[in-house]
């Protein structure tokens, strides 16, 4: 590559870096239905380990896909809700679902 050439990032690559792992898509699917607690997400996303769920939720929070609300109760109550940025992904997930039904 020449020194003067610009590096243009691929939009798809950028989106995938923001979303994160394969688990993110399944977590998004659950959060499109509304706010969920950690245990609800863990039960809804088949096969995800608590560590993978925690890591994925942290990644999504760091990328402003969801917000984590902590309530000072005993035991501690933590809820996850999609941000506007996360909700904006709903259309894409819907299309992936349609594509998966057709070709899966």
Protein backbone atom coordinates (compact mmCIF):
# COMPACT_ATOMS: atom_id res chain seq x y z
CA UNK A 1 0.00 0.00 0.00
CA UNK A 2 1.31 3.42 -0.91
CA UNK A 3 1.89 5.99 1.78
CA UNK A 4 -0.74 8.36 0.34
CA UNK A 5 -3.53 5.79 0.02
CA UNK A 6 -6.41 6.12 2.44
CA UNK A 7 -7.54 3.14 4.47
CA UNK A 8 -11.30 2.89 4.19
CA UNK A 9 -12.99 0.84 6.87
CA UNK A 10 -15.66 -1.57 5.76
CA UNK A 11 -19.06 -0.62 7.22
CA UNK A 12 -19.97 -4.27 7.77
CA UNK A 13 -16.74 -4.85 9.67
CA UNK A 14 -17.41 -1.75 11.80
CA UNK A 15 -20.92 -2.96 12.61
CA UNK A 16 -19.69 -6.43 13.57
CA UNK A 17 -16.99 -4.94 15.81
CA UNK A 18 -19.64 -2.87 17.60
CA UNK A 19 -22.05 -5.77 18.00
CA UNK A 20 -19.37 -8.23 19.12
CA UNK A 21 -19.71 -11.99 19.40
CA UNK A 22 -22.25 -14.44 18.02
CA UNK A 23 -24.04 -14.26 21.38
CA UNK A 24 -24.78 -10.57 20.86
CA UNK A 25 -27.34 -11.35 18.17
CA UNK A 26 -29.23 -13.70 20.49
CA UNK A 27 -29.08 -11.21 23.37
CA UNK A 28 -30.37 -8.48 21.04
CA UNK A 29 -33.25 -10.77 20.04
CA UNK A 30 -34.26 -11.09 23.69
CA UNK A 31 -33.87 -7.40 24.52
CA UNK A 32 -36.03 -6.33 21.57
CA UNK A 33 -38.93 -7.66 23.69
CA UNK A 34 -38.01 -5.33 26.55
CA UNK A 35 -35.82 -4.98 29.61
CA UNK A 36 -34.41 -8.24 31.00
CA UNK A 37 -32.45 -9.35 34.05
CA UNK A 38 -29.26 -11.41 33.84
CA UNK A 39 -31.01 -14.67 34.82
CA UNK A 40 -33.73 -14.14 32.23
CA UNK A 41 -31.13 -13.66 29.51
CA UNK A 42 -29.16 -16.68 30.71
CA UNK A 43 -32.26 -18.90 30.49
CA UNK A 44 -33.38 -17.47 27.14
CA UNK A 45 -30.04 -17.80 25.32
CA UNK A 46 -29.46 -21.54 25.04
CA UNK A 47 -25.89 -22.72 25.59
CA UNK A 48 -24.37 -19.45 26.80
CA UNK A 49 -22.14 -19.66 29.88
CA UNK A 50 -22.40 -17.03 32.62
CA UNK A 51 -18.91 -15.78 31.69
CA UNK A 52 -19.77 -15.45 27.99
CA UNK A 53 -23.01 -13.65 28.89
CA UNK A 54 -21.19 -11.25 31.23
CA UNK A 55 -18.45 -10.55 28.68
CA UNK A 56 -20.96 -9.98 25.89
CA UNK A 57 -23.14 -7.69 28.00
CA UNK A 58 -20.08 -5.65 29.01
CA UNK A 59 -18.98 -5.34 25.38
CA UNK A 60 -22.46 -4.24 24.33
CA UNK A 61 -22.64 -1.73 27.17
CA UNK A 62 -19.20 -0.31 26.27
CA UNK A 63 -20.43 0.16 22.69
CA UNK A 64 -23.68 1.89 23.78
CA UNK A 65 -25.89 -0.93 22.52
CA UNK A 66 -27.50 -1.40 25.92
CA UNK A 67 -27.63 0.20 29.34
CA UNK A 68 -27.12 -1.63 32.61
CA UNK A 69 -29.26 -0.41 35.49
CA UNK A 70 -28.32 -1.52 38.99
CA UNK A 71 -30.88 -1.29 41.80
CA UNK A 72 -29.61 -1.32 45.40
CA UNK A 73 -31.81 -4.14 46.64
CA UNK A 74 -30.96 -7.36 48.45
CA UNK A 75 -30.12 -9.30 46.40
CA UNK A 76 -28.80 -6.74 43.94
CA UNK A 77 -31.08 -6.32 40.93
CA UNK A 78 -29.47 -5.60 37.55
CA UNK A 79 -31.50 -4.95 34.40
CA UNK A 80 -30.42 -4.56 30.78
CA UNK A 81 -32.25 -2.37 28.25
CA UNK A 82 -31.41 -1.51 24.66
CA UNK A 83 -30.39 2.02 23.82
CA UNK A 84 -31.64 3.81 20.71
CA UNK A 85 -28.50 2.55 18.97
CA UNK A 86 -29.37 -1.03 19.99
CA UNK A 87 -33.02 -0.67 18.94
CA UNK A 88 -31.85 0.58 15.56
CA UNK A 89 -30.44 -2.90 14.92
CA UNK A 90 -33.91 -4.50 15.10
CA UNK A 91 -34.57 -4.14 11.38
CA UNK A 92 -31.34 -5.99 10.55
CA UNK A 93 -32.06 -8.85 12.94
CA UNK A 94 -35.54 -9.19 11.45
CA UNK A 95 -34.07 -9.51 7.95
CA UNK A 96 -31.52 -12.09 9.19
CA UNK A 97 -34.38 -14.08 10.72
CA UNK A 98 -36.26 -14.07 7.42
CA UNK A 99 -33.12 -15.07 5.52
CA UNK A 100 -32.40 -17.86 8.02
CA UNK A 101 -35.95 -19.21 7.68
CA UNK A 102 -35.67 -19.21 3.90
CA UNK A 103 -32.21 -20.77 3.58
CA UNK A 104 -31.55 -22.51 6.91
